[in-house]
Amino acid sequence: MSKRRIDPSKAKDIAKERMGILLNLSFREASEGNTERSRRYVHIARRIGMKTKISMPKEILYCKKCGIALVPGKTSRVRLKGHKVTTRCLECDCARRTPYIKEQRT
């Protein structure tokens, strides 16, 4: 018996969908205070992405050091400094900086 193979493009679509679901679940768990479950969901989503060579979705932020979903006010602190948005994880004190120059110009 041979194994049935899935088309690579279909596998990537399925992986993107599952990663989105897992990241939404991790955001919900982090906002409720279940940090360990949130970390687990992010870890599973990252492993799916590595296996299928897909980058993580940009909609939900997560800490690259400890792996928790960053919920403003619960698990992260957001500050504006210069031309950057600084999101600091409250669990491991890791900072994530993203520019917002385009928003300032309009």
PDB file of N, CA and C in Angstrom:
ATOM      1  N   MET A   1       0.828  -1.191   0.000  1.00  0.00           N
ATOM      2  CA  MET A   1       0.000   0.000   0.000  1.00  0.00           C
ATOM      3  C   MET A   1       0.866   1.246   0.000  1.00  0.00           C
ATOM      4  N   SER A   2       0.476   2.190  -0.773  1.00  0.00           N
ATOM      5  CA  SER A   2       1.210   3.451  -0.822  1.00  0.00           C
ATOM      6  C   SER A   2       0.438   4.524  -0.066  1.00  0.00           C
ATOM      7  N   LYS A   3       1.197   5.483   0.436  1.00  0.00           N
ATOM      8  CA  LYS A   3       0.573   6.592   1.153  1.00  0.00           C
ATOM      9  C   LYS A   3      -0.015   7.576   0.157  1.00  0.00           C
ATOM     10  N   ARG A   4      -1.129   8.148   0.527  1.00  0.00           N
ATOM     11  CA  ARG A   4      -1.751   9.161  -0.313  1.00  0.00           C
ATOM     12  C   ARG A   4      -1.093  10.502  -0.030  1.00  0.00           C
ATOM     13  N   ARG A   5      -0.602  11.171  -1.053  1.00  0.00           N
ATOM     14  CA  ARG A   5       0.088  12.444  -0.905  1.00  0.00           C
ATOM     15  C   ARG A   5      -0.884  13.602  -1.101  1.00  0.00           C
ATOM     16  N   ILE A   6      -0.611  14.678  -0.354  1.00  0.00           N
ATOM     17  CA  ILE A   6      -1.393  15.903  -0.495  1.00  0.00           C
ATOM     18  C   ILE A   6      -0.598  16.859  -1.372  1.00  0.00           C
ATOM     19  N   ASP A   7      -1.279  17.548  -2.245  1.00  0.00           N
ATOM     20  CA  ASP A   7      -0.651  18.538  -3.106  1.00  0.00           C
ATOM     21  C   ASP A   7       0.009  19.617  -2.231  1.00  0.00           C
ATOM     22  N   PRO A   8       1.239  20.033  -2.514  1.00  0.00           N
ATOM     23  CA  PRO A   8       1.931  21.015  -1.666  1.00  0.00           C
ATOM     24  C   PRO A   8       1.184  22.336  -1.507  1.00  0.00           C
ATOM     25  N   SER A   9       0.499  22.804  -2.539  1.00  0.00           N
ATOM     26  CA  SER A   9      -0.237  24.064  -2.397  1.00  0.00           C
ATOM     27  C   SER A   9      -1.422  23.897  -1.452  1.00  0.00           C
ATOM     28  N   LYS A  10      -2.080  22.727  -1.505  1.00  0.00           N
ATOM     29  CA  LYS A  10      -3.178  22.463  -0.570  1.00  0.00           C
ATOM     30  C   LYS A  10      -2.652  22.346   0.855  1.00  0.00           C
ATOM     31  N   ALA A  11      -1.488  21.727   1.013  1.00  0.00           N
ATOM     32  CA  ALA A  11      -0.897  21.587   2.341  1.00  0.00           C
ATOM     33  C   ALA A  11      -0.573  22.955   2.934  1.00  0.00           C
ATOM     34  N   LYS A  12      -0.089  23.876   2.104  1.00  0.00           N
ATOM     35  CA  LYS A  12       0.219  25.217   2.598  1.00  0.00           C
ATOM     36  C   LYS A  12      -1.043  25.982   2.975  1.00  0.00           C
ATOM     37  N   ASP A  13      -2.117  25.806   2.210  1.00  0.00           N
ATOM     38  CA  ASP A  13      -3.383  26.450   2.551  1.00  0.00           C
ATOM     39  C   ASP A  13      -3.916  25.922   3.880  1.00  0.00           C
ATOM     40  N   ILE A  14      -3.852  24.615   4.063  1.00  0.00           N
ATOM     41  CA  ILE A  14      -4.311  24.002   5.317  1.00  0.00           C
ATOM     42  C   ILE A  14      -3.452  24.494   6.478  1.00  0.00           C
ATOM     43  N   ALA A  15      -2.138  24.573   6.264  1.00  0.00           N
ATOM     44  CA  ALA A  15      -1.234  25.031   7.319  1.00  0.00           C
ATOM     45  C   ALA A  15      -1.525  26.477   7.709  1.00  0.00           C
ATOM     46  N   LYS A  16      -1.756  27.358   6.726  1.00  0.00           N
ATOM     47  CA  LYS A  16      -2.078  28.760   7.036  1.00  0.00           C
ATOM     48  C   LYS A  16      -3.350  28.861   7.851  1.00  0.00           C
ATOM     49  N   GLU A  17      -4.348  28.080   7.477  1.00  0.00           N
ATOM     50  CA  GLU A  17      -5.624  28.096   8.192  1.00  0.00           C
ATOM     51  C   GLU A  17      -5.439  27.628   9.634  1.00  0.00           C
ATOM     52  N   ARG A  18      -4.713  26.542   9.816  1.00  0.00           N
ATOM     53  CA  ARG A  18      -4.504  26.010  11.172  1.00  0.00           C
ATOM     54  C   ARG A  18      -3.658  26.936  12.017  1.00  0.00           C
ATOM     55  N   MET A  19      -2.655  27.569  11.406  1.00  0.00           N
ATOM     56  CA  MET A  19      -1.835  28.519  12.153  1.00  0.00           C
ATOM     57  C   MET A  19      -2.667  29.714  12.611  1.00  0.00           C
ATOM     58  N   GLY A  20      -3.560  30.192  11.757  1.00  0.00           N
ATOM     59  CA  GLY A  20      -4.438  31.295  12.140  1.00  0.00           C
ATOM     60  C   GLY A  20      -5.348  30.929  13.292  1.00  0.00           C
ATOM     61  N   ILE A  21      -5.906  29.718  13.237  1.00  0.00           N
ATOM     62  CA  ILE A  21      -6.782  29.253  14.315  1.00  0.00           C
ATOM     63  C   ILE A  21      -6.003  29.156  15.619  1.00  0.00           C
ATOM     64  N   LEU A  22      -4.798  28.578  15.565  1.00  0.00           N
ATOM     65  CA  LEU A  22      -3.998  28.428  16.778  1.00  0.00           C
ATOM     66  C   LEU A  22      -3.581  29.776  17.361  1.00  0.00           C
ATOM     67  N   LEU A  23      -3.236  30.733  16.515  1.00  0.00           N
ATOM     68  CA  LEU A  23      -2.843  32.040  17.029  1.00  0.00           C
ATOM     69  C   LEU A  23      -4.027  32.792  17.628  1.00  0.00           C
ATOM     70  N   ASN A  24      -5.210  32.634  17.047  1.00  0.00           N
ATOM     71  CA  ASN A  24      -6.400  33.236  17.654  1.00  0.00           C
ATOM     72  C   ASN A  24      -6.696  32.610  19.012  1.00  0.00           C
ATOM     73  N   LEU A  25      -6.535  31.295  19.112  1.00  0.00           N
ATOM     74  CA  LEU A  25      -6.725  30.631  20.403  1.00  0.00           C
ATOM     75  C   LEU A  25      -5.688  31.091  21.421  1.00  0.00           C
ATOM     76  N   SER A  26      -4.455  31.273  20.986  1.00  0.00           N
ATOM     77  CA  SER A  26      -3.412  31.718  21.914  1.00  0.00           C
ATOM     78  C   SER A  26      -3.693  33.141  22.408  1.00  0.00           C
ATOM     79  N   PHE A  27      -4.198  34.003  21.520  1.00  0.00           N
ATOM     80  CA  PHE A  27      -4.543  35.372  21.923  1.00  0.00           C
ATOM     81  C   PHE A  27      -5.661  35.345  22.964  1.00  0.00           C
ATOM     82  N   ARG A  28      -6.677  34.505  22.728  1.00  0.00           N
ATOM     83  CA  ARG A  28      -7.791  34.396  23.668  1.00  0.00           C
ATOM     84  C   ARG A  28      -7.328  33.857  25.024  1.00  0.00           C
ATOM     85  N   GLU A  29      -6.479  32.840  25.011  1.00  0.00           N
ATOM     86  CA  GLU A  29      -5.994  32.266  26.270  1.00  0.00           C
ATOM     87  C   GLU A  29      -5.108  33.256  27.028  1.00  0.00           C
ATOM     88  N   ALA A  30      -4.287  34.011  26.304  1.00  0.00           N
ATOM     89  CA  ALA A  30      -3.431  34.997  26.968  1.00  0.00           C
ATOM     90  C   ALA A  30      -4.263  36.109  27.586  1.00  0.00           C
ATOM     91  N   SER A  31      -5.341  36.507  26.923  1.00  0.00           N
ATOM     92  CA  SER A  31      -6.189  37.566  27.480  1.00  0.00           C
ATOM     93  C   SER A  31      -6.970  37.075  28.693  1.00  0.00           C
ATOM     94  N   GLU A  32      -7.216  35.765  28.774  1.00  0.00           N
ATOM     95  CA  GLU A  32      -7.895  35.203  29.949  1.00  0.00           C
ATOM     96  C   GLU A  32      -6.933  34.890  31.077  1.00  0.00           C
ATOM     97  N   GLY A  33      -5.625  34.886  30.803  1.00  0.00           N
ATOM     98  CA  GLY A  33      -4.637  34.656  31.851  1.00  0.00           C
ATOM     99  C   GLY A  33      -3.981  33.289  31.813  1.00  0.00           C
ATOM    100  N   ASN A  34      -4.315  32.432  30.848  1.00  0.00           N
ATOM    101  CA  ASN A  34      -3.698  31.110  30.731  1.00  0.00           C
ATOM    102  C   ASN A  34      -2.439  31.215  29.863  1.00  0.00           C
ATOM    103  N   THR A  35      -1.338  31.634  30.493  1.00  0.00           N
ATOM    104  CA  THR A  35      -0.128  31.902  29.724  1.00  0.00           C
ATOM    105  C   THR A  35       0.518  30.631  29.193  1.00  0.00           C
ATOM    106  N   GLU A  36       0.483  29.550  29.948  1.00  0.00           N
ATOM    107  CA  GLU A  36       1.115  28.312  29.491  1.00  0.00           C
ATOM    108  C   GLU A  36       0.397  27.744  28.266  1.00  0.00           C
ATOM    109  N   ARG A  37      -0.903  27.781  28.268  1.00  0.00           N
ATOM    110  CA  ARG A  37      -1.659  27.291  27.119  1.00  0.00           C
ATOM    111  C   ARG A  37      -1.422  28.185  25.904  1.00  0.00           C
ATOM    112  N   SER A  38      -1.306  29.493  26.128  1.00  0.00           N
ATOM    113  CA  SER A  38      -1.014  30.420  25.044  1.00  0.00           C
ATOM    114  C   SER A  38       0.347  30.121  24.427  1.00  0.00           C
ATOM    115  N   ARG A  39       1.338  29.863  25.277  1.00  0.00           N
ATOM    116  CA  ARG A  39       2.668  29.505  24.780  1.00  0.00           C
ATOM    117  C   ARG A  39       2.630  28.220  23.959  1.00  0.00           C
ATOM    118  N   ARG A  40       1.866  27.263  24.415  1.00  0.00           N
ATOM    119  CA  ARG A  40       1.774  25.977  23.716  1.00  0.00           C
ATOM    120  C   ARG A  40       1.159  26.155  22.324  1.00  0.00           C
ATOM    121  N   TYR A  41       0.104  26.962  22.227  1.00  0.00           N
ATOM    122  CA  TYR A  41      -0.532  27.195  20.932  1.00  0.00           C
ATOM    123  C   TYR A  41       0.432  27.893  19.959  1.00  0.00           C
ATOM    124  N   VAL A  42       1.179  28.876  20.451  1.00  0.00           N
ATOM    125  CA  VAL A  42       2.141  29.570  19.591  1.00  0.00           C
ATOM    126  C   VAL A  42       3.241  28.602  19.158  1.00  0.00           C
ATOM    127  N   HIS A  43       3.690  27.742  20.075  1.00  0.00           N
ATOM    128  CA  HIS A  43       4.729  26.765  19.752  1.00  0.00           C
ATOM    129  C   HIS A  43       4.256  25.815  18.655  1.00  0.00           C
ATOM    130  N   ILE A  44       3.037  25.325  18.749  1.00  0.00           N
ATOM    131  CA  ILE A  44       2.498  24.417  17.737  1.00  0.00           C
ATOM    132  C   ILE A  44       2.380  25.135  16.391  1.00  0.00           C
ATOM    133  N   ALA A  45       1.903  26.390  16.409  1.00  0.00           N
ATOM    134  CA  ALA A  45       1.768  27.149  15.164  1.00  0.00           C
ATOM    135  C   ALA A  45       3.134  27.375  14.519  1.00  0.00           C
ATOM    136  N   ARG A  46       4.156  27.675  15.306  1.00  0.00           N
ATOM    137  CA  ARG A  46       5.493  27.870  14.759  1.00  0.00           C
ATOM    138  C   ARG A  46       6.040  26.584  14.162  1.00  0.00           C
ATOM    139  N   ARG A  47       5.772  25.452  14.789  1.00  0.00           N
ATOM    140  CA  ARG A  47       6.246  24.173  14.252  1.00  0.00           C
ATOM    141  C   ARG A  47       5.561  23.839  12.932  1.00  0.00           C
ATOM    142  N   ILE A  48       4.272  24.144  12.833  1.00  0.00           N
ATOM    143  CA  ILE A  48       3.564  23.938  11.565  1.00  0.00           C
ATOM    144  C   ILE A  48       4.184  24.806  10.482  1.00  0.00           C
ATOM    145  N   GLY A  49       4.486  26.050  10.820  1.00  0.00           N
ATOM    146  CA  GLY A  49       5.098  26.961   9.857  1.00  0.00           C
ATOM    147  C   GLY A  49       6.474  26.503   9.412  1.00  0.00           C
ATOM    148  N   MET A  50       7.266  25.982  10.342  1.00  0.00           N
ATOM    149  CA  MET A  50       8.591  25.499   9.978  1.00  0.00           C
ATOM    150  C   MET A  50       8.504  24.256   9.096  1.00  0.00           C
ATOM    151  N   LYS A  51       7.567  23.391   9.394  1.00  0.00           N
ATOM    152  CA  LYS A  51       7.442  22.156   8.621  1.00  0.00           C
ATOM    153  C   LYS A  51       7.013  22.434   7.180  1.00  0.00           C
ATOM    154  N   THR A  52       6.123  23.416   7.001  1.00  0.00           N
ATOM    155  CA  THR A  52       5.615  23.723   5.666  1.00  0.00           C
ATOM    156  C   THR A  52       6.303  24.926   5.027  1.00  0.00           C
ATOM    157  N   LYS A  53       7.304  25.508   5.715  1.00  0.00           N
ATOM    158  CA  LYS A  53       8.063  26.656   5.223  1.00  0.00           C
ATOM    159  C   LYS A  53       7.170  27.859   4.934  1.00  0.00           C
ATOM    160  N   ILE A  54       6.323  28.185   5.902  1.00  0.00           N
ATOM    161  CA  ILE A  54       5.418  29.330   5.819  1.00  0.00           C
ATOM    162  C   ILE A  54       5.753  30.277   6.962  1.00  0.00           C
ATOM    163  N   SER A  55       5.764  31.576   6.691  1.00  0.00           N
ATOM    164  CA  SER A  55       6.003  32.538   7.754  1.00  0.00           C
ATOM    165  C   SER A  55       4.752  32.702   8.609  1.00  0.00           C
ATOM    166  N   MET A  56       4.961  33.160   9.832  1.00  0.00           N
ATOM    167  CA  MET A  56       3.854  33.339  10.762  1.00  0.00           C
ATOM    168  C   MET A  56       2.972  34.492  10.306  1.00  0.00           C
ATOM    169  N   PRO A  57       1.653  34.398  10.521  1.00  0.00           N
ATOM    170  CA  PRO A  57       0.760  35.509  10.176  1.00  0.00           C
ATOM    171  C   PRO A  57       1.101  36.750  10.995  1.00  0.00           C
ATOM    172  N   LYS A  58       0.921  37.922  10.399  1.00  0.00           N
ATOM    173  CA  LYS A  58       1.298  39.179  11.039  1.00  0.00           C
ATOM    174  C   LYS A  58       0.202  39.764  11.923  1.00  0.00           C
ATOM    175  N   GLU A  59      -1.007  39.210  11.860  1.00  0.00           N
ATOM    176  CA  GLU A  59      -2.132  39.819  12.578  1.00  0.00           C
ATOM    177  C   GLU A  59      -1.953  39.749  14.092  1.00  0.00           C
ATOM    178  N   ILE A  60      -1.492  38.621  14.598  1.00  0.00           N
ATOM    179  CA  ILE A  60      -1.358  38.445  16.044  1.00  0.00           C
ATOM    180  C   ILE A  60       0.120  38.429  16.395  1.00  0.00           C
ATOM    181  N   LEU A  61       0.512  39.340  17.289  1.00  0.00           N
ATOM    182  CA  LEU A  61       1.898  39.424  17.709  1.00  0.00           C
ATOM    183  C   LEU A  61       2.172  38.406  18.806  1.00  0.00           C
ATOM    184  N   TYR A  62       3.383  37.903  18.821  1.00  0.00           N
ATOM    185  CA  TYR A  62       3.813  37.003  19.874  1.00  0.00           C
ATOM    186  C   TYR A  62       5.246  37.332  20.222  1.00  0.00           C
ATOM    187  N   CYS A  63       5.649  37.001  21.429  1.00  0.00           N
ATOM    188  CA  CYS A  63       7.015  37.261  21.879  1.00  0.00           C
ATOM    189  C   CYS A  63       7.934  36.210  21.271  1.00  0.00           C
ATOM    190  N   LYS A  64       9.010  36.661  20.637  1.00  0.00           N
ATOM    191  CA  LYS A  64       9.931  35.723  19.996  1.00  0.00           C
ATOM    192  C   LYS A  64      10.826  35.027  21.006  1.00  0.00           C
ATOM    193  N   LYS A  65      10.920  35.571  22.227  1.00  0.00           N
ATOM    194  CA  LYS A  65      11.790  34.967  23.229  1.00  0.00           C
ATOM    195  C   LYS A  65      11.049  33.918  24.066  1.00  0.00           C
ATOM    196  N   CYS A  66       9.886  34.284  24.619  1.00  0.00           N
ATOM    197  CA  CYS A  66       9.178  33.335  25.491  1.00  0.00           C
ATOM    198  C   CYS A  66       7.976  32.683  24.813  1.00  0.00           C
ATOM    199  N   GLY A  67       7.513  33.213  23.667  1.00  0.00           N
ATOM    200  CA  GLY A  67       6.481  32.547  22.893  1.00  0.00           C
ATOM    201  C   GLY A  67       5.056  32.786  23.341  1.00  0.00           C
ATOM    202  N   ILE A  68       4.779  33.845  24.067  1.00  0.00           N
ATOM    203  CA  ILE A  68       3.418  34.123  24.514  1.00  0.00           C
ATOM    204  C   ILE A  68       2.773  35.140  23.571  1.00  0.00           C
ATOM    205  N   ALA A  69       1.478  35.037  23.389  1.00  0.00           N
ATOM    206  CA  ALA A  69       0.760  36.009  22.564  1.00  0.00           C
ATOM    207  C   ALA A  69       0.752  37.355  23.292  1.00  0.00           C
ATOM    208  N   LEU A  70       1.036  38.429  22.564  1.00  0.00           N
ATOM    209  CA  LEU A  70       1.139  39.749  23.180  1.00  0.00           C
ATOM    210  C   LEU A  70      -0.215  40.460  23.132  1.00  0.00           C
ATOM    211  N   VAL A  71      -0.855  40.547  24.285  1.00  0.00           N
ATOM    212  CA  VAL A  71      -2.136  41.228  24.431  1.00  0.00           C
ATOM    213  C   VAL A  71      -1.850  42.549  25.134  1.00  0.00           C
ATOM    214  N   PRO A  72      -2.124  43.695  24.491  1.00  0.00           N
ATOM    215  CA  PRO A  72      -1.836  44.977  25.129  1.00  0.00           C
ATOM    216  C   PRO A  72      -2.588  45.126  26.452  1.00  0.00           C
ATOM    217  N   GLY A  73      -1.843  45.446  27.511  1.00  0.00           N
ATOM    218  CA  GLY A  73      -2.428  45.634  28.820  1.00  0.00           C
ATOM    219  C   GLY A  73      -2.389  44.389  29.689  1.00  0.00           C
ATOM    220  N   LYS A  74      -2.390  43.208  29.104  1.00  0.00           N
ATOM    221  CA  LYS A  74      -2.357  41.953  29.866  1.00  0.00           C
ATOM    222  C   LYS A  74      -0.963  41.342  29.870  1.00  0.00           C
ATOM    223  N   THR A  75      -0.427  41.083  28.693  1.00  0.00           N
ATOM    224  CA  THR A  75       0.884  40.444  28.604  1.00  0.00           C
ATOM    225  C   THR A  75       1.923  41.341  27.943  1.00  0.00           C
ATOM    226  N   SER A  76       1.531  42.545  27.538  1.00  0.00           N
ATOM    227  CA  SER A  76       2.505  43.444  26.914  1.00  0.00           C
ATOM    228  C   SER A  76       2.171  44.894  27.226  1.00  0.00           C
ATOM    229  N   ARG A  77       3.198  45.736  27.038  1.00  0.00           N
ATOM    230  CA  ARG A  77       3.044  47.169  27.208  1.00  0.00           C
ATOM    231  C   ARG A  77       3.434  47.820  25.896  1.00  0.00           C
ATOM    232  N   VAL A  78       2.619  48.732  25.399  1.00  0.00           N
ATOM    233  CA  VAL A  78       2.860  49.366  24.105  1.00  0.00           C
ATOM    234  C   VAL A  78       3.177  50.836  24.333  1.00  0.00           C
ATOM    235  N   ARG A  79       4.294  51.279  23.754  1.00  0.00           N
ATOM    236  CA  ARG A  79       4.719  52.672  23.879  1.00  0.00           C
ATOM    237  C   ARG A  79       5.117  53.202  22.509  1.00  0.00           C
ATOM    238  N   LEU A  80       4.920  54.503  22.318  1.00  0.00           N
ATOM    239  CA  LEU A  80       5.368  55.186  21.103  1.00  0.00           C
ATOM    240  C   LEU A  80       6.617  55.970  21.460  1.00  0.00           C
ATOM    241  N   LYS A  81       7.681  55.751  20.695  1.00  0.00           N
ATOM    242  CA  LYS A  81       8.937  56.433  20.978  1.00  0.00           C
ATOM    243  C   LYS A  81       9.614  56.752  19.658  1.00  0.00           C
ATOM    244  N   GLY A  82       9.754  58.039  19.376  1.00  0.00           N
ATOM    245  CA  GLY A  82      10.350  58.443  18.107  1.00  0.00           C
ATOM    246  C   GLY A  82       9.437  58.050  16.954  1.00  0.00           C
ATOM    247  N   HIS A  83       9.982  57.268  16.043  1.00  0.00           N
ATOM    248  CA  HIS A  83       9.194  56.793  14.904  1.00  0.00           C
ATOM    249  C   HIS A  83       8.924  55.304  15.026  1.00  0.00           C
ATOM    250  N   LYS A  84       8.875  54.799  16.260  1.00  0.00           N
ATOM    251  CA  LYS A  84       8.704  53.365  16.465  1.00  0.00           C
ATOM    252  C   LYS A  84       7.621  53.074  17.492  1.00  0.00           C
ATOM    253  N   VAL A  85       6.951  51.937  17.291  1.00  0.00           N
ATOM    254  CA  VAL A  85       6.037  51.389  18.290  1.00  0.00           C
ATOM    255  C   VAL A  85       6.813  50.308  19.015  1.00  0.00           C
ATOM    256  N   THR A  86       6.982  50.465  20.325  1.00  0.00           N
ATOM    257  CA  THR A  86       7.712  49.488  21.113  1.00  0.00           C
ATOM    258  C   THR A  86       6.714  48.665  21.907  1.00  0.00           C
ATOM    259  N   THR A  87       6.705  47.370  21.661  1.00  0.00           N
ATOM    260  CA  THR A  87       5.853  46.439  22.390  1.00  0.00           C
ATOM    261  C   THR A  87       6.758  45.610  23.282  1.00  0.00           C
ATOM    262  N   ARG A  88       6.571  45.721  24.597  1.00  0.00           N
ATOM    263  CA  ARG A  88       7.435  45.025  25.552  1.00  0.00           C
ATOM    264  C   ARG A  88       6.646  43.924  26.254  1.00  0.00           C
ATOM    265  N   CYS A  89       7.197  42.726  26.223  1.00  0.00           N
ATOM    266  CA  CYS A  89       6.576  41.573  26.874  1.00  0.00           C
ATOM    267  C   CYS A  89       6.719  41.733  28.387  1.00  0.00           C
ATOM    268  N   LEU A  90       5.639  41.516  29.124  1.00  0.00           N
ATOM    269  CA  LEU A  90       5.686  41.642  30.575  1.00  0.00           C
ATOM    270  C   LEU A  90       6.174  40.364  31.249  1.00  0.00           C
ATOM    271  N   GLU A  91       6.256  39.264  30.507  1.00  0.00           N
ATOM    272  CA  GLU A  91       6.725  37.996  31.061  1.00  0.00           C
ATOM    273  C   GLU A  91       8.258  37.931  31.085  1.00  0.00           C
ATOM    274  N   CYS A  92       8.904  38.257  29.954  1.00  0.00           N
ATOM    275  CA  CYS A  92      10.359  38.103  29.850  1.00  0.00           C
ATOM    276  C   CYS A  92      11.077  39.419  29.600  1.00  0.00           C
ATOM    277  N   ASP A  93      10.345  40.534  29.471  1.00  0.00           N
ATOM    278  CA  ASP A  93      10.898  41.876  29.279  1.00  0.00           C
ATOM    279  C   ASP A  93      11.623  42.023  27.940  1.00  0.00           C
ATOM    280  N   CYS A  94      11.197  41.298  26.939  1.00  0.00           N
ATOM    281  CA  CYS A  94      11.767  41.390  25.597  1.00  0.00           C
ATOM    282  C   CYS A  94      11.000  42.476  24.825  1.00  0.00           C
ATOM    283  N   ALA A  95      11.716  43.290  24.037  1.00  0.00           N
ATOM    284  CA  ALA A  95      11.092  44.387  23.304  1.00  0.00           C
ATOM    285  C   ALA A  95      10.988  44.048  21.824  1.00  0.00           C
ATOM    286  N   ARG A  96       9.898  44.511  21.218  1.00  0.00           N
ATOM    287  CA  ARG A  96       9.678  44.360  19.778  1.00  0.00           C
ATOM    288  C   ARG A  96       9.389  45.750  19.237  1.00  0.00           C
ATOM    289  N   ARG A  97      10.176  46.187  18.263  1.00  0.00           N
ATOM    290  CA  ARG A  97      10.030  47.540  17.735  1.00  0.00           C
ATOM    291  C   ARG A  97       9.618  47.478  16.273  1.00  0.00           C
ATOM    292  N   THR A  98       8.584  48.245  15.937  1.00  0.00           N
ATOM    293  CA  THR A  98       8.132  48.320  14.549  1.00  0.00           C
ATOM    294  C   THR A  98       7.983  49.788  14.171  1.00  0.00           C
ATOM    295  N   PRO A  99       8.409  50.177  12.972  1.00  0.00           N
ATOM    296  CA  PRO A  99       8.305  51.576  12.562  1.00  0.00           C
ATOM    297  C   PRO A  99       6.878  51.955  12.199  1.00  0.00           C
ATOM    298  N   TYR A 100       6.550  53.239  12.359  1.00  0.00           N
ATOM    299  CA  TYR A 100       5.238  53.726  11.932  1.00  0.00           C
ATOM    300  C   TYR A 100       5.369  55.060  11.210  1.00  0.00           C
ATOM    301  N   ILE A 101       6.364  55.176  10.351  1.00  0.00           N
ATOM    302  CA  ILE A 101       6.607  56.412   9.603  1.00  0.00           C
ATOM    303  C   ILE A 101       5.493  56.663   8.604  1.00  0.00           C
ATOM    304  N   LYS A 102       4.998  55.617   7.931  1.00  0.00           N
ATOM    305  CA  LYS A 102       3.942  55.792   6.939  1.00  0.00           C
ATOM    306  C   LYS A 102       2.684  56.384   7.570  1.00  0.00           C
ATOM    307  N   GLU A 103       2.339  55.963   8.767  1.00  0.00           N
ATOM    308  CA  GLU A 103       1.154  56.469   9.440  1.00  0.00           C
ATOM    309  C   GLU A 103       1.323  57.933   9.819  1.00  0.00           C
ATOM    310  N   GLN A 104       2.536  58.369  10.113  1.00  0.00           N
ATOM    311  CA  GLN A 104       2.770  59.749  10.485  1.00  0.00           C
ATOM    312  C   GLN A 104       2.668  60.685   9.294  1.00  0.00           C
ATOM    313  N   ARG A 105       3.024  60.202   8.110  1.00  0.00           N
ATOM    314  CA  ARG A 105       3.021  61.058   6.922  1.00  0.00           C
ATOM    315  C   ARG A 105       1.625  61.392   6.450  1.00  0.00           C
ATOM    316  N   THR A 106       0.641  60.555   6.700  1.00  0.00           N
ATOM    317  CA  THR A 106      -0.720  60.813   6.211  1.00  0.00           C
ATOM    318  C   THR A 106      -1.510  61.678   7.134  1.00  0.00           C
TER     319      THR A 106
END
